[in-house]
């Protein structure tokens, strides 16, 4: 059944303009939107994630947005389950499901039905021990241990993403197989009939937008938002604190860094993340349609034309991919 469900996917780097396109497509094609960003799932993390505001939703239903407490954990496997459920429910209402987000791992796992190790690879005792080791030796040293065992996996996981590093090491230890060997989708086909748009802009323009976006976040009260998070988790670095725009504030709250340095770090980390996102989308997803979002009106019109043809092809039974 999933292969017969029309599905629109909108990916791209941070600050590229994914939200605006998603709203226009949802209005035009009577759609509902599913969040595909790994930090926007948390309640209260609004400014730093660039989360859509209620008045910007234009009465379009949004799913998997702000539904977890900040101390809860979540992963790509659970997203796959939850997003698939949302897709089925939206389709049952005769609406068009539209997934929007920049977390490539979430999109890849959903589309290609990847397990990332699966249930047989999980061990709470191993995970606890790896967490203790992280506290002992630090993020980079733990990542380097993964790099020594499985350099392919390490190359795709930033050392700051300690949760993902721990997961990779857990899979390797429990299954005896390399983590990278369990992620490949090169020989797999999508379980859906999705139409994927990847938005992009000229690099200099994208970086300028990122810098301006961070400045706007500061003006809107990002420091206060992150400080509330800092108090809620009592200074502990849980999954929700690892996102860019949040993790940079911990040294500042502990009087180890100036606010100017924090803001500059957020901008730098955001620009680097955008570059990694673009690389991911080029290399990991298949059958993508890249849209230059420099002229947003033109990109929207192009997307509407393509979705119209896509839905017509599905209606006529012409879709083969």
C-alpha atoms as a PDB file:
ATOM      1  CA  UNK A   1       0.000   0.000   0.000  1.00  0.00           C
ATOM      2  CA  UNK A   2       2.771   2.456   0.880  1.00  0.00           C
ATOM      3  CA  UNK A   3       4.144   2.320  -2.657  1.00  0.00           C
ATOM      4  CA  UNK A   4       0.817   3.625  -3.967  1.00  0.00           C
ATOM      5  CA  UNK A   5       0.621   6.618  -1.620  1.00  0.00           C
ATOM      6  CA  UNK A   6       1.676   9.969  -3.115  1.00  0.00           C
ATOM      7  CA  UNK A   7       4.262  11.664  -0.926  1.00  0.00           C
ATOM      8  CA  UNK A   8       6.090  14.969  -1.287  1.00  0.00           C
ATOM      9  CA  UNK A   9       9.472  15.411   0.418  1.00  0.00           C
ATOM     10  CA  UNK A  10      11.116  18.815   0.835  1.00  0.00           C
ATOM     11  CA  UNK A  11      14.733  18.779   2.000  1.00  0.00           C
ATOM     12  CA  UNK A  12      17.637  21.164   1.952  1.00  0.00           C
ATOM     13  CA  UNK A  13      20.042  23.022   4.210  1.00  0.00           C
ATOM     14  CA  UNK A  14      19.106  25.218   7.126  1.00  0.00           C
ATOM     15  CA  UNK A  15      17.707  28.675   6.282  1.00  0.00           C
ATOM     16  CA  UNK A  16      17.167  27.814   2.598  1.00  0.00           C
ATOM     17  CA  UNK A  17      13.390  28.410   2.677  1.00  0.00           C
ATOM     18  CA  UNK A  18      11.815  24.943   3.053  1.00  0.00           C
ATOM     19  CA  UNK A  19       8.941  26.125   5.252  1.00  0.00           C
ATOM     20  CA  UNK A  20       7.586  28.655   2.761  1.00  0.00           C
ATOM     21  CA  UNK A  21       7.514  26.099  -0.044  1.00  0.00           C
ATOM     22  CA  UNK A  22       5.833  23.497   2.151  1.00  0.00           C
ATOM     23  CA  UNK A  23       3.012  25.891   3.076  1.00  0.00           C
ATOM     24  CA  UNK A  24       2.413  26.875  -0.546  1.00  0.00           C
ATOM     25  CA  UNK A  25       2.283  23.248  -1.710  1.00  0.00           C
ATOM     26  CA  UNK A  26       0.024  22.263   1.193  1.00  0.00           C
ATOM     27  CA  UNK A  27      -2.410  25.075   0.348  1.00  0.00           C
ATOM     28  CA  UNK A  28      -2.362  24.331  -3.371  1.00  0.00           C
ATOM     29  CA  UNK A  29      -2.754  20.545  -3.096  1.00  0.00           C
ATOM     30  CA  UNK A  30      -4.764  20.207   0.146  1.00  0.00           C
ATOM     31  CA  UNK A  31      -1.835  18.741   2.043  1.00  0.00           C
ATOM     32  CA  UNK A  32      -0.723  18.167   5.614  1.00  0.00           C
ATOM     33  CA  UNK A  33       2.863  18.621   6.771  1.00  0.00           C
ATOM     34  CA  UNK A  34       5.083  16.183   8.670  1.00  0.00           C
ATOM     35  CA  UNK A  35       8.140  17.585  10.428  1.00  0.00           C
ATOM     36  CA  UNK A  36      11.435  15.945   9.443  1.00  0.00           C
ATOM     37  CA  UNK A  37      13.769  17.898  11.721  1.00  0.00           C
ATOM     38  CA  UNK A  38      15.312  16.040  14.658  1.00  0.00           C
ATOM     39  CA  UNK A  39      15.269  18.979  17.107  1.00  0.00           C
ATOM     40  CA  UNK A  40      11.909  20.519  16.201  1.00  0.00           C
ATOM     41  CA  UNK A  41      10.277  17.443  17.736  1.00  0.00           C
ATOM     42  CA  UNK A  42      10.944  18.935  21.205  1.00  0.00           C
ATOM     43  CA  UNK A  43       8.545  21.183  23.070  1.00  0.00           C
ATOM     44  CA  UNK A  44       9.802  24.672  23.814  1.00  0.00           C
ATOM     45  CA  UNK A  45      12.739  24.588  21.409  1.00  0.00           C
ATOM     46  CA  UNK A  46      11.224  27.072  19.009  1.00  0.00           C
ATOM     47  CA  UNK A  47      13.542  29.994  18.332  1.00  0.00           C
ATOM     48  CA  UNK A  48      16.804  28.088  17.975  1.00  0.00           C
ATOM     49  CA  UNK A  49      15.294  25.504  15.608  1.00  0.00           C
ATOM     50  CA  UNK A  50      13.593  28.059  13.372  1.00  0.00           C
ATOM     51  CA  UNK A  51      10.319  26.262  14.099  1.00  0.00           C
ATOM     52  CA  UNK A  52       7.278  27.478  12.199  1.00  0.00           C
ATOM     53  CA  UNK A  53       5.083  29.797  14.278  1.00  0.00           C
ATOM     54  CA  UNK A  54       1.355  29.034  14.728  1.00  0.00           C
ATOM     55  CA  UNK A  55       0.310  32.091  12.700  1.00  0.00           C
ATOM     56  CA  UNK A  56       2.607  30.989   9.859  1.00  0.00           C
ATOM     57  CA  UNK A  57       0.916  27.592   9.556  1.00  0.00           C
ATOM     58  CA  UNK A  58      -2.108  29.136   7.819  1.00  0.00           C
ATOM     59  CA  UNK A  59      -4.345  26.435   9.309  1.00  0.00           C
ATOM     60  CA  UNK A  60      -2.295  23.673   7.688  1.00  0.00           C
ATOM     61  CA  UNK A  61      -2.105  20.649  10.052  1.00  0.00           C
ATOM     62  CA  UNK A  62       1.459  19.862  11.184  1.00  0.00           C
ATOM     63  CA  UNK A  63       2.579  16.504  12.593  1.00  0.00           C
ATOM     64  CA  UNK A  64       5.570  15.288  14.668  1.00  0.00           C
ATOM     65  CA  UNK A  65       6.212  18.839  15.823  1.00  0.00           C
ATOM     66  CA  UNK A  66       6.758  19.778  19.493  1.00  0.00           C
ATOM     67  CA  UNK A  67       5.556  16.432  20.847  1.00  0.00           C
ATOM     68  CA  UNK A  68       8.479  15.335  23.074  1.00  0.00           C
ATOM     69  CA  UNK A  69       9.781  16.631  26.383  1.00  0.00           C
ATOM     70  CA  UNK A  70      13.362  17.904  26.273  1.00  0.00           C
ATOM     71  CA  UNK A  71      14.698  15.019  28.360  1.00  0.00           C
ATOM     72  CA  UNK A  72      13.266  12.313  26.090  1.00  0.00           C
ATOM     73  CA  UNK A  73      15.303  10.445  23.493  1.00  0.00           C
ATOM     74  CA  UNK A  74      14.340   9.757  19.895  1.00  0.00           C
ATOM     75  CA  UNK A  75      16.035   8.224  16.876  1.00  0.00           C
ATOM     76  CA  UNK A  76      15.704   7.586  13.163  1.00  0.00           C
ATOM     77  CA  UNK A  77      14.022   4.215  13.694  1.00  0.00           C
ATOM     78  CA  UNK A  78      11.268   5.730  15.821  1.00  0.00           C
ATOM     79  CA  UNK A  79      10.842   8.573  13.344  1.00  0.00           C
ATOM     80  CA  UNK A  80      10.376   6.035  10.561  1.00  0.00           C
ATOM     81  CA  UNK A  81       7.572   4.368  12.521  1.00  0.00           C
ATOM     82  CA  UNK A  82       5.868   7.618  13.503  1.00  0.00           C
ATOM     83  CA  UNK A  83       6.205   9.287  10.097  1.00  0.00           C
ATOM     84  CA  UNK A  84       4.870   6.223   8.282  1.00  0.00           C
ATOM     85  CA  UNK A  85       1.862   6.199  10.613  1.00  0.00           C
ATOM     86  CA  UNK A  86       1.246   9.887   9.888  1.00  0.00           C
ATOM     87  CA  UNK A  87       1.543   9.303   6.137  1.00  0.00           C
ATOM     88  CA  UNK A  88      -1.077   6.540   6.263  1.00  0.00           C
ATOM     89  CA  UNK A  89      -3.442   8.656   8.366  1.00  0.00           C
ATOM     90  CA  UNK A  90      -3.082  11.719   6.125  1.00  0.00           C
ATOM     91  CA  UNK A  91      -3.649   9.616   3.007  1.00  0.00           C
ATOM     92  CA  UNK A  92      -6.730   8.047   4.610  1.00  0.00           C
ATOM     93  CA  UNK A  93      -8.152  11.562   4.969  1.00  0.00           C
ATOM     94  CA  UNK A  94      -7.534  12.020   1.220  1.00  0.00           C
ATOM     95  CA  UNK A  95      -4.943  14.689   1.928  1.00  0.00           C
ATOM     96  CA  UNK A  96      -1.431  14.936   0.475  1.00  0.00           C
ATOM     97  CA  UNK A  97       1.371  14.120   2.977  1.00  0.00           C
ATOM     98  CA  UNK A  98       4.324  16.514   2.750  1.00  0.00           C
ATOM     99  CA  UNK A  99       7.501  15.822   4.746  1.00  0.00           C
ATOM    100  CA  UNK A 100       9.690  18.844   5.416  1.00  0.00           C
ATOM    101  CA  UNK A 101      13.081  18.833   7.124  1.00  0.00           C
ATOM    102  CA  UNK A 102      16.821  18.924   6.950  1.00  0.00           C
ATOM    103  CA  UNK A 103      17.656  15.796   8.968  1.00  0.00           C
ATOM    104  CA  UNK A 104      18.857  13.574   6.161  1.00  0.00           C
ATOM    105  CA  UNK A 105      19.142  10.488   8.349  1.00  0.00           C
ATOM    106  CA  UNK A 106      15.434  10.677   9.174  1.00  0.00           C
ATOM    107  CA  UNK A 107      14.395  11.081   5.545  1.00  0.00           C
ATOM    108  CA  UNK A 108      16.717   8.346   4.315  1.00  0.00           C
ATOM    109  CA  UNK A 109      15.580   5.848   6.936  1.00  0.00           C
ATOM    110  CA  UNK A 110      11.918   6.471   6.172  1.00  0.00           C
ATOM    111  CA  UNK A 111      12.135   6.348   2.389  1.00  0.00           C
ATOM    112  CA  UNK A 112      14.385   3.295   2.140  1.00  0.00           C
ATOM    113  CA  UNK A 113      13.008   1.508   5.208  1.00  0.00           C
ATOM    114  CA  UNK A 114      16.421   1.297   6.880  1.00  0.00           C
ATOM    115  CA  UNK A 115      16.781  -0.289  10.286  1.00  0.00           C
ATOM    116  CA  UNK A 116      20.129   1.215  11.347  1.00  0.00           C
ATOM    117  CA  UNK A 117      20.899  -1.948  13.228  1.00  0.00           C
ATOM    118  CA  UNK A 118      17.389  -3.047  14.143  1.00  0.00           C
ATOM    119  CA  UNK A 119      16.044  -4.376  17.435  1.00  0.00           C
ATOM    120  CA  UNK A 120      18.565  -7.223  17.628  1.00  0.00           C
ATOM    121  CA  UNK A 121      21.369  -4.677  17.803  1.00  0.00           C
ATOM    122  CA  UNK A 122      20.183  -2.970  20.997  1.00  0.00           C
ATOM    123  CA  UNK A 123      21.661  -3.518  24.442  1.00  0.00           C
ATOM    124  CA  UNK A 124      20.945  -1.171  27.331  1.00  0.00           C
ATOM    125  CA  UNK A 125      23.993  -2.377  29.260  1.00  0.00           C
ATOM    126  CA  UNK A 126      26.322  -1.699  26.309  1.00  0.00           C
ATOM    127  CA  UNK A 127      24.716   1.692  25.757  1.00  0.00           C
ATOM    128  CA  UNK A 128      25.082   2.616  29.430  1.00  0.00           C
ATOM    129  CA  UNK A 129      28.745   1.612  29.434  1.00  0.00           C
ATOM    130  CA  UNK A 130      29.405   3.643  26.273  1.00  0.00           C
ATOM    131  CA  UNK A 131      27.676   6.625  27.877  1.00  0.00           C
ATOM    132  CA  UNK A 132      29.962   6.321  30.885  1.00  0.00           C
ATOM    133  CA  UNK A 133      32.963   6.083  28.586  1.00  0.00           C
ATOM    134  CA  UNK A 134      31.835   9.242  26.808  1.00  0.00           C
ATOM    135  CA  UNK A 135      31.878  11.075  30.124  1.00  0.00           C
ATOM    136  CA  UNK A 136      35.354   9.732  30.857  1.00  0.00           C
ATOM    137  CA  UNK A 137      37.176  10.436  27.592  1.00  0.00           C
ATOM    138  CA  UNK A 138      35.026  13.045  25.805  1.00  0.00           C
ATOM    139  CA  UNK A 139      33.246  13.327  22.455  1.00  0.00           C
ATOM    140  CA  UNK A 140      36.212  13.370  20.097  1.00  0.00           C
ATOM    141  CA  UNK A 141      38.036  10.462  21.725  1.00  0.00           C
ATOM    142  CA  UNK A 142      34.915   8.301  21.578  1.00  0.00           C
ATOM    143  CA  UNK A 143      34.369   9.272  17.940  1.00  0.00           C
ATOM    144  CA  UNK A 144      37.997   8.353  17.225  1.00  0.00           C
ATOM    145  CA  UNK A 145      37.368   4.872  18.617  1.00  0.00           C
ATOM    146  CA  UNK A 146      34.559   4.514  16.073  1.00  0.00           C
ATOM    147  CA  UNK A 147      36.874   5.898  13.389  1.00  0.00           C
ATOM    148  CA  UNK A 148      39.459   3.205  14.138  1.00  0.00           C
ATOM    149  CA  UNK A 149      36.844   0.442  13.814  1.00  0.00           C
ATOM    150  CA  UNK A 150      34.540   1.788  11.096  1.00  0.00           C
ATOM    151  CA  UNK A 151      35.962   4.860   9.320  1.00  0.00           C
ATOM    152  CA  UNK A 152      33.118   4.890   6.792  1.00  0.00           C
ATOM    153  CA  UNK A 153      30.547   5.318   9.537  1.00  0.00           C
ATOM    154  CA  UNK A 154      32.695   7.866  11.367  1.00  0.00           C
ATOM    155  CA  UNK A 155      33.026   9.978   8.225  1.00  0.00           C
ATOM    156  CA  UNK A 156      29.248  10.432   8.171  1.00  0.00           C
ATOM    157  CA  UNK A 157      28.819  11.221  11.875  1.00  0.00           C
ATOM    158  CA  UNK A 158      30.113  14.520  13.346  1.00  0.00           C
ATOM    159  CA  UNK A 159      32.078  13.837  16.523  1.00  0.00           C
ATOM    160  CA  UNK A 160      29.738  16.229  18.387  1.00  0.00           C
ATOM    161  CA  UNK A 161      26.810  13.878  17.707  1.00  0.00           C
ATOM    162  CA  UNK A 162      27.730  11.631  20.608  1.00  0.00           C
ATOM    163  CA  UNK A 163      24.325   9.957  20.667  1.00  0.00           C
ATOM    164  CA  UNK A 164      24.855   8.727  17.111  1.00  0.00           C
ATOM    165  CA  UNK A 165      28.459   7.700  17.836  1.00  0.00           C
ATOM    166  CA  UNK A 166      27.260   5.640  20.808  1.00  0.00           C
ATOM    167  CA  UNK A 167      24.576   4.044  18.652  1.00  0.00           C
ATOM    168  CA  UNK A 168      27.128   3.067  15.998  1.00  0.00           C
ATOM    169  CA  UNK A 169      29.483   1.532  18.569  1.00  0.00           C
ATOM    170  CA  UNK A 170      26.543  -0.262  20.201  1.00  0.00           C
ATOM    171  CA  UNK A 171      25.509  -1.836  16.883  1.00  0.00           C
ATOM    172  CA  UNK A 172      29.070  -2.934  16.142  1.00  0.00           C
ATOM    173  CA  UNK A 173      29.570  -4.503  19.549  1.00  0.00           C
ATOM    174  CA  UNK A 174      26.208  -6.267  19.744  1.00  0.00           C
ATOM    175  CA  UNK A 175      25.990  -7.537  16.147  1.00  0.00           C
ATOM    176  CA  UNK A 176      29.658  -7.931  15.263  1.00  0.00           C
ATOM    177  CA  UNK A 177      28.988  -6.117  11.972  1.00  0.00           C
ATOM    178  CA  UNK A 178      30.174  -2.697  10.869  1.00  0.00           C
ATOM    179  CA  UNK A 179      27.602   0.048  11.344  1.00  0.00           C
ATOM    180  CA  UNK A 180      28.249   1.429   7.848  1.00  0.00           C
ATOM    181  CA  UNK A 181      27.345  -1.902   6.263  1.00  0.00           C
ATOM    182  CA  UNK A 182      23.885  -1.743   7.803  1.00  0.00           C
ATOM    183  CA  UNK A 183      23.021   1.703   6.432  1.00  0.00           C
ATOM    184  CA  UNK A 184      23.513   1.286   2.693  1.00  0.00           C
ATOM    185  CA  UNK A 185      20.453   1.844   0.550  1.00  0.00           C
ATOM    186  CA  UNK A 186      22.282   1.641  -2.762  1.00  0.00           C
ATOM    187  CA  UNK A 187      20.471  -1.557  -3.766  1.00  0.00           C
ATOM    188  CA  UNK A 188      17.179  -0.677  -2.102  1.00  0.00           C
ATOM    189  CA  UNK A 189      14.203   1.061  -3.610  1.00  0.00           C
ATOM    190  CA  UNK A 190      11.984   3.474  -1.789  1.00  0.00           C
ATOM    191  CA  UNK A 191       8.852   2.029  -0.227  1.00  0.00           C
ATOM    192  CA  UNK A 192       6.932   5.073  -1.466  1.00  0.00           C
ATOM    193  CA  UNK A 193       6.301   6.841  -4.768  1.00  0.00           C
ATOM    194  CA  UNK A 194       7.743  10.061  -3.425  1.00  0.00           C
ATOM    195  CA  UNK A 195       8.607  13.253  -5.257  1.00  0.00           C
ATOM    196  CA  UNK A 196      11.680  14.778  -3.596  1.00  0.00           C
ATOM    197  CA  UNK A 197      12.579  18.459  -3.803  1.00  0.00           C
ATOM    198  CA  UNK A 198      15.955  19.632  -2.520  1.00  0.00           C
ATOM    199  CA  UNK A 199      16.141  23.399  -2.148  1.00  0.00           C
ATOM    200  CA  UNK A 200      19.406  25.253  -2.613  1.00  0.00           C
ATOM    201  CA  UNK A 201      20.712  28.794  -3.019  1.00  0.00           C
ATOM    202  CA  UNK A 202      24.056  30.275  -4.097  1.00  0.00           C
ATOM    203  CA  UNK A 203      26.512  29.547  -1.288  1.00  0.00           C
ATOM    204  CA  UNK A 204      27.236  33.176  -0.393  1.00  0.00           C
ATOM    205  CA  UNK A 205      23.522  34.005  -0.268  1.00  0.00           C
ATOM    206  CA  UNK A 206      22.780  30.956   1.875  1.00  0.00           C
ATOM    207  CA  UNK A 207      25.517  31.884   4.347  1.00  0.00           C
ATOM    208  CA  UNK A 208      24.244  35.473   4.529  1.00  0.00           C
ATOM    209  CA  UNK A 209      20.752  34.167   5.281  1.00  0.00           C
ATOM    210  CA  UNK A 210      22.142  31.904   8.000  1.00  0.00           C
ATOM    211  CA  UNK A 211      24.000  34.798   9.646  1.00  0.00           C
ATOM    212  CA  UNK A 212      20.937  37.061   9.515  1.00  0.00           C
ATOM    213  CA  UNK A 213      18.756  34.267  10.840  1.00  0.00           C
ATOM    214  CA  UNK A 214      21.012  33.809  13.873  1.00  0.00           C
ATOM    215  CA  UNK A 215      20.934  37.560  14.559  1.00  0.00           C
ATOM    216  CA  UNK A 216      17.144  37.454  14.406  1.00  0.00           C
ATOM    217  CA  UNK A 217      17.075  34.519  16.829  1.00  0.00           C
ATOM    218  CA  UNK A 218      19.122  36.513  19.311  1.00  0.00           C
ATOM    219  CA  UNK A 219      16.711  39.442  18.979  1.00  0.00           C
ATOM    220  CA  UNK A 220      13.736  37.107  19.522  1.00  0.00           C
ATOM    221  CA  UNK A 221      15.143  35.799  22.806  1.00  0.00           C
ATOM    222  CA  UNK A 222      17.264  32.744  21.989  1.00  0.00           C
ATOM    223  CA  UNK A 223      19.436  33.202  25.080  1.00  0.00           C
ATOM    224  CA  UNK A 224      16.384  33.040  27.354  1.00  0.00           C
ATOM    225  CA  UNK A 225      15.004  30.005  25.527  1.00  0.00           C
ATOM    226  CA  UNK A 226      18.262  28.097  25.900  1.00  0.00           C
ATOM    227  CA  UNK A 227      18.663  29.138  29.537  1.00  0.00           C
ATOM    228  CA  UNK A 228      15.242  27.658  30.331  1.00  0.00           C
ATOM    229  CA  UNK A 229      16.425  24.437  28.682  1.00  0.00           C
ATOM    230  CA  UNK A 230      19.671  24.603  30.670  1.00  0.00           C
ATOM    231  CA  UNK A 231      17.669  24.858  33.891  1.00  0.00           C
ATOM    232  CA  UNK A 232      15.232  22.092  32.911  1.00  0.00           C
ATOM    233  CA  UNK A 233      18.000  19.564  32.310  1.00  0.00           C
ATOM    234  CA  UNK A 234      20.095  20.946  35.188  1.00  0.00           C
ATOM    235  CA  UNK A 235      23.033  21.682  32.894  1.00  0.00           C
ATOM    236  CA  UNK A 236      23.185  18.087  31.623  1.00  0.00           C
ATOM    237  CA  UNK A 237      23.735  17.563  27.902  1.00  0.00           C
ATOM    238  CA  UNK A 238      20.817  15.394  26.791  1.00  0.00           C
ATOM    239  CA  UNK A 239      19.733  14.766  23.199  1.00  0.00           C
ATOM    240  CA  UNK A 240      17.704  17.954  22.889  1.00  0.00           C
ATOM    241  CA  UNK A 241      20.699  20.107  23.871  1.00  0.00           C
ATOM    242  CA  UNK A 242      22.927  18.806  21.075  1.00  0.00           C
ATOM    243  CA  UNK A 243      21.347  20.901  18.337  1.00  0.00           C
ATOM    244  CA  UNK A 244      23.131  23.873  16.818  1.00  0.00           C
ATOM    245  CA  UNK A 245      21.917  27.028  18.510  1.00  0.00           C
ATOM    246  CA  UNK A 246      21.677  25.259  21.869  1.00  0.00           C
ATOM    247  CA  UNK A 247      24.910  23.410  22.605  1.00  0.00           C
ATOM    248  CA  UNK A 248      27.025  26.551  22.101  1.00  0.00           C
ATOM    249  CA  UNK A 249      25.497  28.272  25.141  1.00  0.00           C
ATOM    250  CA  UNK A 250      26.693  25.847  27.841  1.00  0.00           C
ATOM    251  CA  UNK A 251      30.165  27.465  28.273  1.00  0.00           C
ATOM    252  CA  UNK A 252      28.519  30.905  28.354  1.00  0.00           C
ATOM    253  CA  UNK A 253      26.181  29.888  31.183  1.00  0.00           C
ATOM    254  CA  UNK A 254      29.218  28.591  33.062  1.00  0.00           C
ATOM    255  CA  UNK A 255      31.081  31.889  32.548  1.00  0.00           C
ATOM    256  CA  UNK A 256      33.640  30.374  30.190  1.00  0.00           C
ATOM    257  CA  UNK A 257      32.734  32.253  26.995  1.00  0.00           C
ATOM    258  CA  UNK A 258      31.444  35.672  25.926  1.00  0.00           C
ATOM    259  CA  UNK A 259      28.059  36.063  24.250  1.00  0.00           C
ATOM    260  CA  UNK A 260      29.814  37.449  21.157  1.00  0.00           C
ATOM    261  CA  UNK A 261      31.783  34.209  20.843  1.00  0.00           C
ATOM    262  CA  UNK A 262      28.621  32.156  21.342  1.00  0.00           C
ATOM    263  CA  UNK A 263      26.839  33.971  18.508  1.00  0.00           C
ATOM    264  CA  UNK A 264      29.817  33.596  16.200  1.00  0.00           C
ATOM    265  CA  UNK A 265      30.040  29.875  16.997  1.00  0.00           C
ATOM    266  CA  UNK A 266      26.353  29.381  16.194  1.00  0.00           C
ATOM    267  CA  UNK A 267      26.815  31.082  12.837  1.00  0.00           C
ATOM    268  CA  UNK A 268      29.935  29.086  12.035  1.00  0.00           C
ATOM    269  CA  UNK A 269      28.419  25.770  13.087  1.00  0.00           C
ATOM    270  CA  UNK A 270      25.243  26.530  11.123  1.00  0.00           C
ATOM    271  CA  UNK A 271      27.202  27.290   7.951  1.00  0.00           C
ATOM    272  CA  UNK A 272      29.221  24.096   8.300  1.00  0.00           C
ATOM    273  CA  UNK A 273      26.072  22.106   8.962  1.00  0.00           C
ATOM    274  CA  UNK A 274      24.439  23.527   5.829  1.00  0.00           C
ATOM    275  CA  UNK A 275      27.431  22.364   3.804  1.00  0.00           C
ATOM    276  CA  UNK A 276      27.181  18.855   5.299  1.00  0.00           C
ATOM    277  CA  UNK A 277      23.452  18.756   4.607  1.00  0.00           C
ATOM    278  CA  UNK A 278      23.973  19.568   0.938  1.00  0.00           C
ATOM    279  CA  UNK A 279      26.618  16.847   0.648  1.00  0.00           C
ATOM    280  CA  UNK A 280      24.272  14.350   2.308  1.00  0.00           C
ATOM    281  CA  UNK A 281      21.369  15.102  -0.020  1.00  0.00           C
ATOM    282  CA  UNK A 282      23.611  14.814  -3.080  1.00  0.00           C
ATOM    283  CA  UNK A 283      25.017  11.448  -2.049  1.00  0.00           C
ATOM    284  CA  UNK A 284      22.333   9.648  -0.050  1.00  0.00           C
ATOM    285  CA  UNK A 285      18.937  10.267  -1.659  1.00  0.00           C
ATOM    286  CA  UNK A 286      17.984   9.107  -5.137  1.00  0.00           C
ATOM    287  CA  UNK A 287      15.678  10.607  -7.777  1.00  0.00           C
ATOM    288  CA  UNK A 288      15.856  14.099  -6.283  1.00  0.00           C
ATOM    289  CA  UNK A 289      14.798  17.323  -7.986  1.00  0.00           C
ATOM    290  CA  UNK A 290      16.970  20.288  -7.051  1.00  0.00           C
ATOM    291  CA  UNK A 291      15.325  23.700  -7.011  1.00  0.00           C
ATOM    292  CA  UNK A 292      17.228  26.971  -6.980  1.00  0.00           C
ATOM    293  CA  UNK A 293      15.380  28.949  -4.317  1.00  0.00           C
ATOM    294  CA  UNK A 294      17.116  32.246  -5.074  1.00  0.00           C
ATOM    295  CA  UNK A 295      13.872  33.332  -6.740  1.00  0.00           C
ATOM    296  CA  UNK A 296      11.298  31.868  -4.341  1.00  0.00           C
ATOM    297  CA  UNK A 297       8.256  32.642  -6.497  1.00  0.00           C
ATOM    298  CA  UNK A 298       9.856  30.920  -9.481  1.00  0.00           C
ATOM    299  CA  UNK A 299      10.799  27.880  -7.364  1.00  0.00           C
ATOM    300  CA  UNK A 300       7.256  27.623  -5.995  1.00  0.00           C
ATOM    301  CA  UNK A 301       5.755  27.752  -9.488  1.00  0.00           C
ATOM    302  CA  UNK A 302       8.211  25.121 -10.714  1.00  0.00           C
ATOM    303  CA  UNK A 303       7.371  22.868  -7.775  1.00  0.00           C
ATOM    304  CA  UNK A 304       3.616  23.284  -8.314  1.00  0.00           C
ATOM    305  CA  UNK A 305       4.021  22.325 -11.970  1.00  0.00           C
ATOM    306  CA  UNK A 306       6.030  19.229 -11.070  1.00  0.00           C
ATOM    307  CA  UNK A 307       3.632  18.124  -8.316  1.00  0.00           C
ATOM    308  CA  UNK A 308       0.658  18.584 -10.657  1.00  0.00           C
ATOM    309  CA  UNK A 309       2.307  16.304 -13.236  1.00  0.00           C
ATOM    310  CA  UNK A 310       3.404  13.858 -10.556  1.00  0.00           C
ATOM    311  CA  UNK A 311      -0.119  13.486  -9.144  1.00  0.00           C
ATOM    312  CA  UNK A 312      -1.540  13.166 -12.647  1.00  0.00           C
ATOM    313  CA  UNK A 313       0.914  10.351 -13.412  1.00  0.00           C
ATOM    314  CA  UNK A 314      -0.055   8.539 -10.237  1.00  0.00           C
ATOM    315  CA  UNK A 315      -3.731   8.921 -11.083  1.00  0.00           C
ATOM    316  CA  UNK A 316      -3.065   7.426 -14.520  1.00  0.00           C
ATOM    317  CA  UNK A 317      -0.875   4.671 -13.089  1.00  0.00           C
ATOM    318  CA  UNK A 318       2.219   5.822 -14.947  1.00  0.00           C
ATOM    319  CA  UNK A 319       4.609   5.946 -11.997  1.00  0.00           C
ATOM    320  CA  UNK A 320       7.361   3.350 -12.257  1.00  0.00           C
ATOM    321  CA  UNK A 321       9.994   4.575  -9.757  1.00  0.00           C
END
